[in-house]
Amino acid sequence: NPDMPRVGMARADYVIRKFGGEERA
């Protein structure tokens, strides 16, 4: 995740961005 902010992000937001939703993750 080279564009990840240095402070990171909330896991829920990351899961949506990465996998499209909680169920797939």
mmCIF file of all heavy atoms, coordinates in Angstrom:
data_MODEL
# 
_entry.id   MODEL 
# 
loop_
_atom_site.group_PDB 
_atom_site.id 
_atom_site.type_symbol 
_atom_site.label_atom_id 
_atom_site.label_alt_id 
_atom_site.label_comp_id 
_atom_site.label_asym_id 
_atom_site.label_entity_id 
_atom_site.label_seq_id 
_atom_site.pdbx_PDB_ins_code 
_atom_site.Cartn_x 
_atom_site.Cartn_y 
_atom_site.Cartn_z 
_atom_site.occupancy 
_atom_site.B_iso_or_equiv 
_atom_site.pdbx_formal_charge 
_atom_site.auth_seq_id 
_atom_site.auth_comp_id 
_atom_site.auth_asym_id 
_atom_site.auth_atom_id 
_atom_site.pdbx_PDB_model_num 
ATOM 1   N N   . ASN A 1 1  ? 0.850   -1.197  0.000  1.00 0.00 ? 1  ASN A N   1 
ATOM 2   C CA  . ASN A 1 1  ? 0.000   0.000   0.000  1.00 0.00 ? 1  ASN A CA  1 
ATOM 3   C C   . ASN A 1 1  ? 0.883   1.244   0.000  1.00 0.00 ? 1  ASN A C   1 
ATOM 4   O O   . ASN A 1 1  ? 0.954   1.957   1.007  1.00 0.00 ? 1  ASN A O   1 
ATOM 5   C CB  . ASN A 1 1  ? -0.914  0.002   1.238  1.00 0.00 ? 1  ASN A CB  1 
ATOM 6   C CG  . ASN A 1 1  ? -1.707  -1.285  1.372  1.00 0.00 ? 1  ASN A CG  1 
ATOM 7   O OD1 . ASN A 1 1  ? -2.428  -1.674  0.466  1.00 0.00 ? 1  ASN A OD1 1 
ATOM 8   N ND2 . ASN A 1 1  ? -1.571  -1.951  2.510  1.00 0.00 ? 1  ASN A ND2 1 
ATOM 9   N N   . PRO A 1 2  ? 1.565   1.512   -1.118 1.00 0.00 ? 2  PRO A N   1 
ATOM 10  C CA  . PRO A 1 2  ? 2.536   2.618   -1.125 1.00 0.00 ? 2  PRO A CA  1 
ATOM 11  C C   . PRO A 1 2  ? 1.911   3.987   -0.885 1.00 0.00 ? 2  PRO A C   1 
ATOM 12  O O   . PRO A 1 2  ? 2.611   4.917   -0.463 1.00 0.00 ? 2  PRO A O   1 
ATOM 13  C CB  . PRO A 1 2  ? 3.162   2.533   -2.524 1.00 0.00 ? 2  PRO A CB  1 
ATOM 14  C CG  . PRO A 1 2  ? 2.161   1.791   -3.352 1.00 0.00 ? 2  PRO A CG  1 
ATOM 15  C CD  . PRO A 1 2  ? 1.493   0.829   -2.425 1.00 0.00 ? 2  PRO A CD  1 
ATOM 16  N N   . ASP A 1 3  ? 0.603   4.119   -1.139 1.00 0.00 ? 3  ASP A N   1 
ATOM 17  C CA  . ASP A 1 3  ? -0.071  5.404   -0.956 1.00 0.00 ? 3  ASP A CA  1 
ATOM 18  C C   . ASP A 1 3  ? -0.766  5.519   0.406  1.00 0.00 ? 3  ASP A C   1 
ATOM 19  O O   . ASP A 1 3  ? -1.472  6.504   0.652  1.00 0.00 ? 3  ASP A O   1 
ATOM 20  C CB  . ASP A 1 3  ? -1.103  5.620   -2.067 1.00 0.00 ? 3  ASP A CB  1 
ATOM 21  C CG  . ASP A 1 3  ? -0.463  5.649   -3.445 1.00 0.00 ? 3  ASP A CG  1 
ATOM 22  O OD1 . ASP A 1 3  ? 0.665   6.177   -3.558 1.00 0.00 ? 3  ASP A OD1 1 
ATOM 23  O OD2 . ASP A 1 3  ? -1.073  5.128   -4.402 1.00 0.00 ? 3  ASP A OD2 1 
ATOM 24  N N   . MET A 1 4  ? -0.557  4.529   1.253  1.00 0.00 ? 4  MET A N   1 
ATOM 25  C CA  . MET A 1 4  ? -1.179  4.576   2.582  1.00 0.00 ? 4  MET A CA  1 
ATOM 26  C C   . MET A 1 4  ? -0.646  5.769   3.373  1.00 0.00 ? 4  MET A C   1 
ATOM 27  O O   . MET A 1 4  ? 0.570   5.983   3.433  1.00 0.00 ? 4  MET A O   1 
ATOM 28  C CB  . MET A 1 4  ? -0.854  3.283   3.340  1.00 0.00 ? 4  MET A CB  1 
ATOM 29  C CG  . MET A 1 4  ? -1.389  3.232   4.766  1.00 0.00 ? 4  MET A CG  1 
ATOM 30  S SD  . MET A 1 4  ? -3.186  3.137   4.863  1.00 0.00 ? 4  MET A SD  1 
ATOM 31  C CE  . MET A 1 4  ? -3.462  1.453   4.275  1.00 0.00 ? 4  MET A CE  1 
ATOM 32  N N   . PRO A 1 5  ? -1.542  6.581   3.968  1.00 0.00 ? 5  PRO A N   1 
ATOM 33  C CA  . PRO A 1 5  ? -1.062  7.676   4.830  1.00 0.00 ? 5  PRO A CA  1 
ATOM 34  C C   . PRO A 1 5  ? -0.182  7.130   5.947  1.00 0.00 ? 5  PRO A C   1 
ATOM 35  O O   . PRO A 1 5  ? -0.394  6.011   6.429  1.00 0.00 ? 5  PRO A O   1 
ATOM 36  C CB  . PRO A 1 5  ? -2.363  8.276   5.387  1.00 0.00 ? 5  PRO A CB  1 
ATOM 37  C CG  . PRO A 1 5  ? -3.435  7.836   4.448  1.00 0.00 ? 5  PRO A CG  1 
ATOM 38  C CD  . PRO A 1 5  ? -3.012  6.519   3.908  1.00 0.00 ? 5  PRO A CD  1 
ATOM 39  N N   . ARG A 1 6  ? 0.794   7.902   6.377  1.00 0.00 ? 6  ARG A N   1 
ATOM 40  C CA  . ARG A 1 6  ? 1.698   7.433   7.433  1.00 0.00 ? 6  ARG A CA  1 
ATOM 41  C C   . ARG A 1 6  ? 0.951   7.086   8.722  1.00 0.00 ? 6  ARG A C   1 
ATOM 42  O O   . ARG A 1 6  ? 1.425   6.263   9.508  1.00 0.00 ? 6  ARG A O   1 
ATOM 43  C CB  . ARG A 1 6  ? 2.775   8.488   7.722  1.00 0.00 ? 6  ARG A CB  1 
ATOM 44  C CG  . ARG A 1 6  ? 3.814   8.638   6.643  1.00 0.00 ? 6  ARG A CG  1 
ATOM 45  C CD  . ARG A 1 6  ? 4.764   7.450   6.551  1.00 0.00 ? 6  ARG A CD  1 
ATOM 46  N NE  . ARG A 1 6  ? 5.654   7.340   7.687  1.00 0.00 ? 6  ARG A NE  1 
ATOM 47  C CZ  . ARG A 1 6  ? 6.784   8.009   7.838  1.00 0.00 ? 6  ARG A CZ  1 
ATOM 48  N NH1 . ARG A 1 6  ? 7.156   8.878   6.902  1.00 0.00 ? 6  ARG A NH1 1 
ATOM 49  N NH2 . ARG A 1 6  ? 7.552   7.829   8.892  1.00 0.00 ? 6  ARG A NH2 1 
ATOM 50  N N   . VAL A 1 7  ? -0.208  7.701   8.931  1.00 0.00 ? 7  VAL A N   1 
ATOM 51  C CA  . VAL A 1 7  ? -0.988  7.405   10.139 1.00 0.00 ? 7  VAL A CA  1 
ATOM 52  C C   . VAL A 1 7  ? -1.895  6.196   9.944  1.00 0.00 ? 7  VAL A C   1 
ATOM 53  O O   . VAL A 1 7  ? -2.601  5.791   10.862 1.00 0.00 ? 7  VAL A O   1 
ATOM 54  C CB  . VAL A 1 7  ? -1.836  8.623   10.560 1.00 0.00 ? 7  VAL A CB  1 
ATOM 55  C CG1 . VAL A 1 7  ? -0.943  9.776   10.962 1.00 0.00 ? 7  VAL A CG1 1 
ATOM 56  C CG2 . VAL A 1 7  ? -2.800  9.030   9.450  1.00 0.00 ? 7  VAL A CG2 1 
ATOM 57  N N   . GLY A 1 8  ? -1.877  5.601   8.738  1.00 0.00 ? 8  GLY A N   1 
ATOM 58  C CA  . GLY A 1 8  ? -2.732  4.456   8.471  1.00 0.00 ? 8  GLY A CA  1 
ATOM 59  C C   . GLY A 1 8  ? -4.171  4.868   8.234  1.00 0.00 ? 8  GLY A C   1 
ATOM 60  O O   . GLY A 1 8  ? -4.477  6.039   8.016  1.00 0.00 ? 8  GLY A O   1 
ATOM 61  N N   . MET A 1 9  ? -5.065  3.877   8.267  1.00 0.00 ? 9  MET A N   1 
ATOM 62  C CA  . MET A 1 9  ? -6.499  4.169   8.103  1.00 0.00 ? 9  MET A CA  1 
ATOM 63  C C   . MET A 1 9  ? -7.324  3.138   8.862  1.00 0.00 ? 9  MET A C   1 
ATOM 64  O O   . MET A 1 9  ? -6.828  2.064   9.209  1.00 0.00 ? 9  MET A O   1 
ATOM 65  C CB  . MET A 1 9  ? -6.901  4.187   6.626  1.00 0.00 ? 9  MET A CB  1 
ATOM 66  C CG  . MET A 1 9  ? -6.823  2.853   5.920  1.00 0.00 ? 9  MET A CG  1 
ATOM 67  S SD  . MET A 1 9  ? -7.637  2.888   4.279  1.00 0.00 ? 9  MET A SD  1 
ATOM 68  C CE  . MET A 1 9  ? -6.814  4.216   3.467  1.00 0.00 ? 9  MET A CE  1 
ATOM 69  N N   . ALA A 1 10 ? -8.569  3.481   9.116  1.00 0.00 ? 10 ALA A N   1 
ATOM 70  C CA  . ALA A 1 10 ? -9.466  2.567   9.816  1.00 0.00 ? 10 ALA A CA  1 
ATOM 71  C C   . ALA A 1 10 ? -9.585  1.272   9.022  1.00 0.00 ? 10 ALA A C   1 
ATOM 72  O O   . ALA A 1 10 ? -9.681  1.290   7.791  1.00 0.00 ? 10 ALA A O   1 
ATOM 73  C CB  . ALA A 1 10 ? -10.833 3.208   9.999  1.00 0.00 ? 10 ALA A CB  1 
ATOM 74  N N   . ARG A 1 11 ? -9.578  0.167   9.731  1.00 0.00 ? 11 ARG A N   1 
ATOM 75  C CA  . ARG A 1 11 ? -9.614  -1.141  9.068  1.00 0.00 ? 11 ARG A CA  1 
ATOM 76  C C   . ARG A 1 11 ? -10.845 -1.295  8.182  1.00 0.00 ? 11 ARG A C   1 
ATOM 77  O O   . ARG A 1 11 ? -10.755 -1.834  7.075  1.00 0.00 ? 11 ARG A O   1 
ATOM 78  C CB  . ARG A 1 11 ? -9.590  -2.246  10.133 1.00 0.00 ? 11 ARG A CB  1 
ATOM 79  C CG  . ARG A 1 11 ? -9.506  -3.660  9.573  1.00 0.00 ? 11 ARG A CG  1 
ATOM 80  C CD  . ARG A 1 11 ? -8.162  -3.915  8.959  1.00 0.00 ? 11 ARG A CD  1 
ATOM 81  N NE  . ARG A 1 11 ? -7.977  -5.316  8.589  1.00 0.00 ? 11 ARG A NE  1 
ATOM 82  C CZ  . ARG A 1 11 ? -6.871  -5.787  8.061  1.00 0.00 ? 11 ARG A CZ  1 
ATOM 83  N NH1 . ARG A 1 11 ? -5.839  -4.985  7.836  1.00 0.00 ? 11 ARG A NH1 1 
ATOM 84  N NH2 . ARG A 1 11 ? -6.747  -7.060  7.753  1.00 0.00 ? 11 ARG A NH2 1 
ATOM 85  N N   . ALA A 1 12 ? -11.990 -0.819  8.655  1.00 0.00 ? 12 ALA A N   1 
ATOM 86  C CA  . ALA A 1 12 ? -13.220 -0.956  7.881  1.00 0.00 ? 12 ALA A CA  1 
ATOM 87  C C   . ALA A 1 12 ? -13.103 -0.248  6.536  1.00 0.00 ? 12 ALA A C   1 
ATOM 88  O O   . ALA A 1 12 ? -13.536 -0.773  5.500  1.00 0.00 ? 12 ALA A O   1 
ATOM 89  C CB  . ALA A 1 12 ? -14.407 -0.407  8.680  1.00 0.00 ? 12 ALA A CB  1 
ATOM 90  N N   . ASP A 1 13 ? -12.509 0.943   6.535  1.00 0.00 ? 13 ASP A N   1 
ATOM 91  C CA  . ASP A 1 13 ? -12.325 1.684   5.286  1.00 0.00 ? 13 ASP A CA  1 
ATOM 92  C C   . ASP A 1 13 ? -11.353 0.959   4.356  1.00 0.00 ? 13 ASP A C   1 
ATOM 93  O O   . ASP A 1 13 ? -11.555 0.900   3.143  1.00 0.00 ? 13 ASP A O   1 
ATOM 94  C CB  . ASP A 1 13 ? -11.794 3.096   5.572  1.00 0.00 ? 13 ASP A CB  1 
ATOM 95  C CG  . ASP A 1 13 ? -12.785 3.940   6.342  1.00 0.00 ? 13 ASP A CG  1 
ATOM 96  O OD1 . ASP A 1 13 ? -13.993 3.636   6.279  1.00 0.00 ? 13 ASP A OD1 1 
ATOM 97  O OD2 . ASP A 1 13 ? -12.361 4.903   7.017  1.00 0.00 ? 13 ASP A OD2 1 
ATOM 98  N N   . TYR A 1 14 ? -10.303 0.392   4.943  1.00 0.00 ? 14 TYR A N   1 
ATOM 99  C CA  . TYR A 1 14 ? -9.311  -0.318  4.140  1.00 0.00 ? 14 TYR A CA  1 
ATOM 100 C C   . TYR A 1 14 ? -9.924  -1.554  3.484  1.00 0.00 ? 14 TYR A C   1 
ATOM 101 O O   . TYR A 1 14 ? -9.666  -1.837  2.307  1.00 0.00 ? 14 TYR A O   1 
ATOM 102 C CB  . TYR A 1 14 ? -8.140  -0.736  5.035  1.00 0.00 ? 14 TYR A CB  1 
ATOM 103 C CG  . TYR A 1 14 ? -7.122  -1.594  4.332  1.00 0.00 ? 14 TYR A CG  1 
ATOM 104 C CD1 . TYR A 1 14 ? -6.202  -1.042  3.443  1.00 0.00 ? 14 TYR A CD1 1 
ATOM 105 C CD2 . TYR A 1 14 ? -7.077  -2.977  4.546  1.00 0.00 ? 14 TYR A CD2 1 
ATOM 106 C CE1 . TYR A 1 14 ? -5.264  -1.830  2.786  1.00 0.00 ? 14 TYR A CE1 1 
ATOM 107 C CE2 . TYR A 1 14 ? -6.141  -3.776  3.906  1.00 0.00 ? 14 TYR A CE2 1 
ATOM 108 C CZ  . TYR A 1 14 ? -5.245  -3.196  3.027  1.00 0.00 ? 14 TYR A CZ  1 
ATOM 109 O OH  . TYR A 1 14 ? -4.324  -3.978  2.385  1.00 0.00 ? 14 TYR A OH  1 
ATOM 110 N N   . VAL A 1 15 ? -10.720 -2.293  4.235  1.00 0.00 ? 15 VAL A N   1 
ATOM 111 C CA  . VAL A 1 15 ? -11.340 -3.516  3.719  1.00 0.00 ? 15 VAL A CA  1 
ATOM 112 C C   . VAL A 1 15 ? -12.248 -3.208  2.532  1.00 0.00 ? 15 VAL A C   1 
ATOM 113 O O   . VAL A 1 15 ? -12.255 -3.927  1.530  1.00 0.00 ? 15 VAL A O   1 
ATOM 114 C CB  . VAL A 1 15 ? -12.107 -4.244  4.845  1.00 0.00 ? 15 VAL A CB  1 
ATOM 115 C CG1 . VAL A 1 15 ? -13.076 -5.266  4.282  1.00 0.00 ? 15 VAL A CG1 1 
ATOM 116 C CG2 . VAL A 1 15 ? -11.125 -4.906  5.801  1.00 0.00 ? 15 VAL A CG2 1 
ATOM 117 N N   . ILE A 1 16 ? -12.994 -2.117  2.637  1.00 0.00 ? 16 ILE A N   1 
ATOM 118 C CA  . ILE A 1 16 ? -13.873 -1.724  1.528  1.00 0.00 ? 16 ILE A CA  1 
ATOM 119 C C   . ILE A 1 16 ? -13.044 -1.353  0.308  1.00 0.00 ? 16 ILE A C   1 
ATOM 120 O O   . ILE A 1 16 ? -13.328 -1.764  -0.826 1.00 0.00 ? 16 ILE A O   1 
ATOM 121 C CB  . ILE A 1 16 ? -14.786 -0.558  1.954  1.00 0.00 ? 16 ILE A CB  1 
ATOM 122 C CG1 . ILE A 1 16 ? -15.814 -1.043  2.975  1.00 0.00 ? 16 ILE A CG1 1 
ATOM 123 C CG2 . ILE A 1 16 ? -15.489 0.046   0.738  1.00 0.00 ? 16 ILE A CG2 1 
ATOM 124 C CD1 . ILE A 1 16 ? -16.632 0.062   3.598  1.00 0.00 ? 16 ILE A CD1 1 
ATOM 125 N N   . ARG A 1 17 ? -11.973 -0.595  0.518  1.00 0.00 ? 17 ARG A N   1 
ATOM 126 C CA  . ARG A 1 17 ? -11.122 -0.164  -0.591 1.00 0.00 ? 17 ARG A CA  1 
ATOM 127 C C   . ARG A 1 17 ? -10.399 -1.349  -1.236 1.00 0.00 ? 17 ARG A C   1 
ATOM 128 O O   . ARG A 1 17 ? -10.290 -1.441  -2.445 1.00 0.00 ? 17 ARG A O   1 
ATOM 129 C CB  . ARG A 1 17 ? -10.099 0.865   -0.102 1.00 0.00 ? 17 ARG A CB  1 
ATOM 130 C CG  . ARG A 1 17 ? -9.114  1.300   -1.173 1.00 0.00 ? 17 ARG A CG  1 
ATOM 131 C CD  . ARG A 1 17 ? -8.037  2.210   -0.627 1.00 0.00 ? 17 ARG A CD  1 
ATOM 132 N NE  . ARG A 1 17 ? -8.551  3.507   -0.220 1.00 0.00 ? 17 ARG A NE  1 
ATOM 133 C CZ  . ARG A 1 17 ? -7.780  4.540   0.104  1.00 0.00 ? 17 ARG A CZ  1 
ATOM 134 N NH1 . ARG A 1 17 ? -6.457  4.400   0.086  1.00 0.00 ? 17 ARG A NH1 1 
ATOM 135 N NH2 . ARG A 1 17 ? -8.301  5.693   0.468  1.00 0.00 ? 17 ARG A NH2 1 
ATOM 136 N N   . LYS A 1 18 ? -9.923  -2.277  -0.401 1.00 0.00 ? 18 LYS A N   1 
ATOM 137 C CA  . LYS A 1 18 ? -9.094  -3.381  -0.883 1.00 0.00 ? 18 LYS A CA  1 
ATOM 138 C C   . LYS A 1 18 ? -9.920  -4.519  -1.472 1.00 0.00 ? 18 LYS A C   1 
ATOM 139 O O   . LYS A 1 18 ? -9.570  -5.102  -2.499 1.00 0.00 ? 18 LYS A O   1 
ATOM 140 C CB  . LYS A 1 18 ? -8.244  -3.917  0.276  1.00 0.00 ? 18 LYS A CB  1 
ATOM 141 C CG  . LYS A 1 18 ? -7.203  -4.953  -0.113 1.00 0.00 ? 18 LYS A CG  1 
ATOM 142 C CD  . LYS A 1 18 ? -5.958  -4.307  -0.651 1.00 0.00 ? 18 LYS A CD  1 
ATOM 143 C CE  . LYS A 1 18 ? -4.829  -5.303  -0.822 1.00 0.00 ? 18 LYS A CE  1 
ATOM 144 N NZ  . LYS A 1 18 ? -3.611  -4.663  -1.348 1.00 0.00 ? 18 LYS A NZ  1 
ATOM 145 N N   . PHE A 1 19 ? -11.012 -4.858  -0.801 1.00 0.00 ? 19 PHE A N   1 
ATOM 146 C CA  . PHE A 1 19 ? -11.766 -6.058  -1.169 1.00 0.00 ? 19 PHE A CA  1 
ATOM 147 C C   . PHE A 1 19 ? -13.179 -5.779  -1.664 1.00 0.00 ? 19 PHE A C   1 
ATOM 148 O O   . PHE A 1 19 ? -13.864 -6.690  -2.109 1.00 0.00 ? 19 PHE A O   1 
ATOM 149 C CB  . PHE A 1 19 ? -11.839 -7.022  0.027  1.00 0.00 ? 19 PHE A CB  1 
ATOM 150 C CG  . PHE A 1 19 ? -10.496 -7.401  0.569  1.00 0.00 ? 19 PHE A CG  1 
ATOM 151 C CD1 . PHE A 1 19 ? -10.063 -6.920  1.796  1.00 0.00 ? 19 PHE A CD1 1 
ATOM 152 C CD2 . PHE A 1 19 ? -9.651  -8.232  -0.146 1.00 0.00 ? 19 PHE A CD2 1 
ATOM 153 C CE1 . PHE A 1 19 ? -8.822  -7.270  2.304  1.00 0.00 ? 19 PHE A CE1 1 
ATOM 154 C CE2 . PHE A 1 19 ? -8.411  -8.584  0.351  1.00 0.00 ? 19 PHE A CE2 1 
ATOM 155 C CZ  . PHE A 1 19 ? -7.991  -8.100  1.582  1.00 0.00 ? 19 PHE A CZ  1 
ATOM 156 N N   . GLY A 1 20 ? -13.620 -4.538  -1.569 1.00 0.00 ? 20 GLY A N   1 
ATOM 157 C CA  . GLY A 1 20 ? -14.954 -4.210  -2.034 1.00 0.00 ? 20 GLY A CA  1 
ATOM 158 C C   . GLY A 1 20 ? -16.032 -4.440  -1.001 1.00 0.00 ? 20 GLY A C   1 
ATOM 159 O O   . GLY A 1 20 ? -17.192 -4.102  -1.232 1.00 0.00 ? 20 GLY A O   1 
ATOM 160 N N   . GLY A 1 21 ? -15.678 -5.007  0.132  1.00 0.00 ? 21 GLY A N   1 
ATOM 161 C CA  . GLY A 1 21 ? -16.676 -5.225  1.172  1.00 0.00 ? 21 GLY A CA  1 
ATOM 162 C C   . GLY A 1 21 ? -16.220 -6.224  2.208  1.00 0.00 ? 21 GLY A C   1 
ATOM 163 O O   . GLY A 1 21 ? -15.253 -6.971  2.015  1.00 0.00 ? 21 GLY A O   1 
ATOM 164 N N   . GLU A 1 22 ? -16.911 -6.239  3.323  1.00 0.00 ? 22 GLU A N   1 
ATOM 165 C CA  . GLU A 1 22 ? -16.546 -7.073  4.470  1.00 0.00 ? 22 GLU A CA  1 
ATOM 166 C C   . GLU A 1 22 ? -16.686 -8.557  4.175  1.00 0.00 ? 22 GLU A C   1 
ATOM 167 O O   . GLU A 1 22 ? -15.874 -9.374  4.621  1.00 0.00 ? 22 GLU A O   1 
ATOM 168 C CB  . GLU A 1 22 ? -17.435 -6.689  5.660  1.00 0.00 ? 22 GLU A CB  1 
ATOM 169 C CG  . GLU A 1 22 ? -17.106 -7.418  6.946  1.00 0.00 ? 22 GLU A CG  1 
ATOM 170 C CD  . GLU A 1 22 ? -15.760 -7.007  7.517  1.00 0.00 ? 22 GLU A CD  1 
ATOM 171 O OE1 . GLU A 1 22 ? -15.426 -5.807  7.441  1.00 0.00 ? 22 GLU A OE1 1 
ATOM 172 O OE2 . GLU A 1 22 ? -15.051 -7.890  8.027  1.00 0.00 ? 22 GLU A OE2 1 
ATOM 173 N N   . GLU A 1 23 ? -17.703 -8.945  3.402  1.00 0.00 ? 23 GLU A N   1 
ATOM 174 C CA  . GLU A 1 23 ? -17.971 -10.370 3.186  1.00 0.00 ? 23 GLU A CA  1 
ATOM 175 C C   . GLU A 1 23 ? -16.831 -11.054 2.430  1.00 0.00 ? 23 GLU A C   1 
ATOM 176 O O   . GLU A 1 23 ? -16.389 -12.143 2.804  1.00 0.00 ? 23 GLU A O   1 
ATOM 177 C CB  . GLU A 1 23 ? -19.285 -10.543 2.413  1.00 0.00 ? 23 GLU A CB  1 
ATOM 178 C CG  . GLU A 1 23 ? -19.706 -11.993 2.222  1.00 0.00 ? 23 GLU A CG  1 
ATOM 179 C CD  . GLU A 1 23 ? -19.787 -12.757 3.540  1.00 0.00 ? 23 GLU A CD  1 
ATOM 180 O OE1 . GLU A 1 23 ? -20.251 -12.173 4.542  1.00 0.00 ? 23 GLU A OE1 1 
ATOM 181 O OE2 . GLU A 1 23 ? -19.373 -13.939 3.545  1.00 0.00 ? 23 GLU A OE2 1 
ATOM 182 N N   . ARG A 1 24 ? -16.349 -10.410 1.384  1.00 0.00 ? 24 ARG A N   1 
ATOM 183 C CA  . ARG A 1 24 ? -15.234 -10.989 0.615  1.00 0.00 ? 24 ARG A CA  1 
ATOM 184 C C   . ARG A 1 24 ? -13.984 -11.093 1.483  1.00 0.00 ? 24 ARG A C   1 
ATOM 185 O O   . ARG A 1 24 ? -13.251 -12.075 1.439  1.00 0.00 ? 24 ARG A O   1 
ATOM 186 C CB  . ARG A 1 24 ? -14.953 -10.140 -0.625 1.00 0.00 ? 24 ARG A CB  1 
ATOM 187 C CG  . ARG A 1 24 ? -13.873 -10.721 -1.505 1.00 0.00 ? 24 ARG A CG  1 
ATOM 188 C CD  . ARG A 1 24 ? -13.927 -10.143 -2.909 1.00 0.00 ? 24 ARG A CD  1 
ATOM 189 N NE  . ARG A 1 24 ? -12.778 -10.601 -3.677 1.00 0.00 ? 24 ARG A NE  1 
ATOM 190 C CZ  . ARG A 1 24 ? -11.746 -9.851  -4.035 1.00 0.00 ? 24 ARG A CZ  1 
ATOM 191 N NH1 . ARG A 1 24 ? -11.712 -8.575  -3.697 1.00 0.00 ? 24 ARG A NH1 1 
ATOM 192 N NH2 . ARG A 1 24 ? -10.751 -10.340 -4.735 1.00 0.00 ? 24 ARG A NH2 1 
ATOM 193 N N   . ALA A 1 25 ? -13.749 -10.057 2.280  1.00 0.00 ? 25 ALA A N   1 
ATOM 194 C CA  . ALA A 1 25 ? -12.593 -10.070 3.176  1.00 0.00 ? 25 ALA A CA  1 
ATOM 195 C C   . ALA A 1 25 ? -12.719 -11.184 4.200  1.00 0.00 ? 25 ALA A C   1 
ATOM 196 O O   . ALA A 1 25 ? -11.739 -11.886 4.504  1.00 0.00 ? 25 ALA A O   1 
ATOM 197 C CB  . ALA A 1 25 ? -12.464 -8.727  3.881  1.00 0.00 ? 25 ALA A CB  1 
# 
